[in-house]
């Protein structure tokens, strides 16, 4: 495997626009794991997640030449992955809710070092959150997006992101399964 490309995402995008196919390979290698995890969160199984990963990067490749990155690449790809995953589930006739997919993804790809019981409790607590709150929470704290990036990815105002995060964290603080993780110290 080639070494990591030291160029920034913006530099790689410019190189792809200039006709450098190795730059796309570097961009893919840099972001494939994050996109695969996100796809798994929406699809609930690894095979479908890999299909979504492939389609998402094919979609991105189709944007070149002429693509300009106006946010982080993960922020751009989030709605693409979500749409592709939901479309794949619909085409396959799967009646898996977003909450069911999240629970399956947590079971299939557990957090390193987490005890099985705590993973299951956290998954159950997250599933109990309303979908808009859960989505904002996961983008912010699992995917590491800033509040502004979450707003861009979800196409909502930053104030709405803040409100959803506050409500989600408040609910997790009140939930007996997770209150110890979210206690104010």
Protein backbone atom coordinates (compact mmCIF):
# COMPACT_ATOMS: atom_id res chain seq x y z
CA UNK A 1 0.00 0.00 0.00
CA UNK A 2 1.38 3.44 -0.88
CA UNK A 3 2.26 5.78 2.01
CA UNK A 4 -0.27 8.38 3.13
CA UNK A 5 -0.30 11.39 0.84
CA UNK A 6 0.79 14.47 2.80
CA UNK A 7 -1.39 16.85 0.75
CA UNK A 8 -4.52 18.33 2.30
CA UNK A 9 -7.94 17.40 0.98
CA UNK A 10 -8.10 20.76 -0.81
CA UNK A 11 -4.76 20.07 -2.49
CA UNK A 12 -5.90 16.58 -3.49
CA UNK A 13 -9.13 17.97 -4.97
CA UNK A 14 -7.10 20.51 -6.96
CA UNK A 15 -4.81 17.71 -8.19
CA UNK A 16 -7.81 15.57 -9.22
CA UNK A 17 -9.24 18.55 -11.08
CA UNK A 18 -5.85 18.78 -12.80
CA UNK A 19 -6.05 15.15 -13.95
CA UNK A 20 -4.02 13.33 -11.26
CA UNK A 21 -5.72 9.93 -10.68
CA UNK A 22 -3.34 9.11 -7.79
CA UNK A 23 -4.83 12.05 -5.89
CA UNK A 24 -8.27 10.44 -5.99
CA UNK A 25 -6.79 7.19 -4.71
CA UNK A 26 -5.22 9.11 -1.81
CA UNK A 27 -8.51 10.86 -1.02
CA UNK A 28 -10.31 7.51 -1.09
CA UNK A 29 -7.79 5.82 1.21
CA UNK A 30 -7.95 8.74 3.64
CA UNK A 31 -11.75 8.75 3.96
CA UNK A 32 -12.95 5.23 3.13
CA UNK A 33 -13.03 3.93 6.72
CA UNK A 34 -15.06 6.88 8.00
CA UNK A 35 -17.48 6.59 5.07
CA UNK A 36 -17.79 2.82 5.59
CA UNK A 37 -18.59 3.32 9.31
CA UNK A 38 -21.19 5.92 8.44
CA UNK A 39 -22.72 3.65 5.79
CA UNK A 40 -22.82 0.80 8.31
CA UNK A 41 -24.67 3.06 10.72
CA UNK A 42 -27.38 3.60 8.08
CA UNK A 43 -27.54 0.14 6.52
CA UNK A 44 -27.00 -2.13 9.52
CA UNK A 45 -24.80 -4.63 7.66
CA UNK A 46 -21.31 -4.72 6.22
CA UNK A 47 -22.16 -5.87 2.68
CA UNK A 48 -24.60 -3.03 2.11
CA UNK A 49 -22.21 -0.57 3.74
CA UNK A 50 -19.50 -1.55 1.26
CA UNK A 51 -21.94 -1.06 -1.64
CA UNK A 52 -22.77 2.41 -0.32
CA UNK A 53 -19.07 3.19 0.11
CA UNK A 54 -18.43 2.31 -3.52
CA UNK A 55 -21.40 4.30 -4.79
CA UNK A 56 -20.50 7.34 -2.68
CA UNK A 57 -16.99 7.53 -4.10
CA UNK A 58 -18.28 6.88 -7.62
CA UNK A 59 -20.64 9.83 -7.10
CA UNK A 60 -17.73 11.96 -5.86
CA UNK A 61 -15.59 10.96 -8.86
CA UNK A 62 -18.42 12.01 -11.16
CA UNK A 63 -18.17 15.55 -9.75
CA UNK A 64 -14.70 15.95 -11.33
CA UNK A 65 -13.38 17.94 -13.03
CA UNK A 66 -14.78 21.12 -11.58
CA UNK A 67 -15.49 19.98 -8.02
CA UNK A 68 -14.61 22.51 -5.31
CA UNK A 69 -14.54 21.60 -1.65
CA UNK A 70 -16.44 24.20 0.40
CA UNK A 71 -16.43 22.19 3.65
CA UNK A 72 -14.68 19.09 4.95
CA UNK A 73 -15.07 16.13 2.61
CA UNK A 74 -16.94 14.16 5.29
CA UNK A 75 -19.44 17.02 5.55
CA UNK A 76 -19.99 16.86 1.79
CA UNK A 77 -20.27 13.05 1.78
CA UNK A 78 -22.64 12.70 4.75
CA UNK A 79 -25.89 13.46 2.86
CA UNK A 80 -24.65 11.42 -0.10
CA UNK A 81 -24.01 8.35 2.06
CA UNK A 82 -27.30 8.77 3.92
CA UNK A 83 -29.30 9.05 0.70
CA UNK A 84 -27.54 6.10 -0.93
CA UNK A 85 -28.00 3.90 2.15
CA UNK A 86 -31.68 4.74 2.54
CA UNK A 87 -32.22 4.21 -1.19
CA UNK A 88 -30.46 0.83 -1.06
CA UNK A 89 -32.64 -0.27 1.86
CA UNK A 90 -35.78 0.87 0.05
CA UNK A 91 -34.81 -0.91 -3.20
CA UNK A 92 -33.99 -4.09 -1.28
CA UNK A 93 -37.38 -3.95 0.45
CA UNK A 94 -35.83 -3.80 3.89
CA UNK A 95 -38.04 -2.28 6.53
CA UNK A 96 -35.10 -1.44 8.79
CA UNK A 97 -35.57 1.82 10.66
CA UNK A 98 -32.65 4.17 11.25
CA UNK A 99 -32.77 3.12 14.91
CA UNK A 100 -32.61 -0.58 13.99
CA UNK A 101 -29.69 0.08 11.66
CA UNK A 102 -27.86 1.94 14.43
CA UNK A 103 -28.39 -0.91 16.87
CA UNK A 104 -27.15 -3.42 14.28
CA UNK A 105 -24.11 -1.27 13.50
CA UNK A 106 -23.19 -0.99 17.19
CA UNK A 107 -23.50 -4.76 17.58
CA UNK A 108 -21.51 -5.45 14.39
CA UNK A 109 -18.78 -2.87 15.02
CA UNK A 110 -18.43 -2.38 18.78
CA UNK A 111 -16.48 0.46 20.29
CA UNK A 112 -12.98 -0.66 21.25
CA UNK A 113 -12.67 -1.44 24.94
CA UNK A 114 -16.36 -1.05 25.71
CA UNK A 115 -17.97 -3.82 27.71
CA UNK A 116 -20.75 -5.62 25.80
CA UNK A 117 -23.37 -4.57 28.36
CA UNK A 118 -22.38 -0.90 28.20
CA UNK A 119 -22.41 -0.99 24.36
CA UNK A 120 -25.89 -2.47 24.38
CA UNK A 121 -27.12 0.06 26.95
CA UNK A 122 -25.64 2.97 25.02
CA UNK A 123 -27.14 1.69 21.76
CA UNK A 124 -30.54 1.32 23.45
CA UNK A 125 -30.32 4.83 24.88
CA UNK A 126 -29.33 6.28 21.50
CA UNK A 127 -32.12 4.40 19.75
CA UNK A 128 -34.58 5.91 22.25
CA UNK A 129 -33.63 9.44 21.17
CA UNK A 130 -35.72 11.12 18.47
CA UNK A 131 -34.00 10.63 15.11
CA UNK A 132 -33.08 14.33 14.57
CA UNK A 133 -31.40 14.49 18.00
CA UNK A 134 -29.62 11.16 17.51
CA UNK A 135 -28.36 12.19 14.07
CA UNK A 136 -26.97 15.52 15.32
CA UNK A 137 -25.37 13.83 18.34
CA UNK A 138 -23.67 11.14 16.26
CA UNK A 139 -22.37 13.61 13.69
CA UNK A 140 -20.98 15.86 16.41
CA UNK A 141 -19.46 13.35 18.80
CA UNK A 142 -18.90 10.16 16.80
CA UNK A 143 -18.00 11.68 13.44
CA UNK A 144 -16.24 14.66 15.03
CA UNK A 145 -17.96 17.36 13.02
CA UNK A 146 -18.18 20.89 14.38
CA UNK A 147 -21.62 22.34 15.00
CA UNK A 148 -21.27 24.36 11.81
CA UNK A 149 -20.37 21.23 9.82
CA UNK A 150 -23.35 19.35 11.29
CA UNK A 151 -25.56 22.24 10.19
CA UNK A 152 -24.12 22.05 6.66
CA UNK A 153 -24.47 18.26 6.47
CA UNK A 154 -28.07 18.32 7.70
CA UNK A 155 -28.93 21.57 5.91
CA UNK A 156 -30.31 23.17 9.06
CA UNK A 157 -29.37 26.31 11.04
CA UNK A 158 -26.58 26.08 13.62
CA UNK A 159 -29.07 27.12 16.31
CA UNK A 160 -31.15 24.03 15.50
CA UNK A 161 -28.05 21.85 15.81
CA UNK A 162 -27.31 23.35 19.23
CA UNK A 163 -30.89 22.79 20.34
CA UNK A 164 -30.89 19.16 19.18
CA UNK A 165 -27.55 18.47 20.87
CA UNK A 166 -28.71 20.05 24.12
CA UNK A 167 -31.92 18.02 24.11
CA UNK A 168 -30.08 14.78 23.29
CA UNK A 169 -27.46 15.23 25.99
CA UNK A 170 -30.13 16.21 28.50
CA UNK A 171 -32.09 13.03 27.68
CA UNK A 172 -28.95 10.89 28.01
CA UNK A 173 -28.20 12.50 31.39
CA UNK A 174 -31.69 11.54 32.59
CA UNK A 175 -31.55 7.99 31.19
CA UNK A 176 -30.50 5.54 33.95
CA UNK A 177 -28.53 3.48 31.42
CA UNK A 178 -26.26 6.39 30.49
CA UNK A 179 -26.55 9.02 33.24
CA UNK A 180 -23.11 8.15 34.65
CA UNK A 181 -21.49 8.85 31.28
CA UNK A 182 -23.13 12.25 30.89
CA UNK A 183 -23.19 13.49 34.50
CA UNK A 184 -22.15 17.07 35.09
CA UNK A 185 -19.09 17.09 37.32
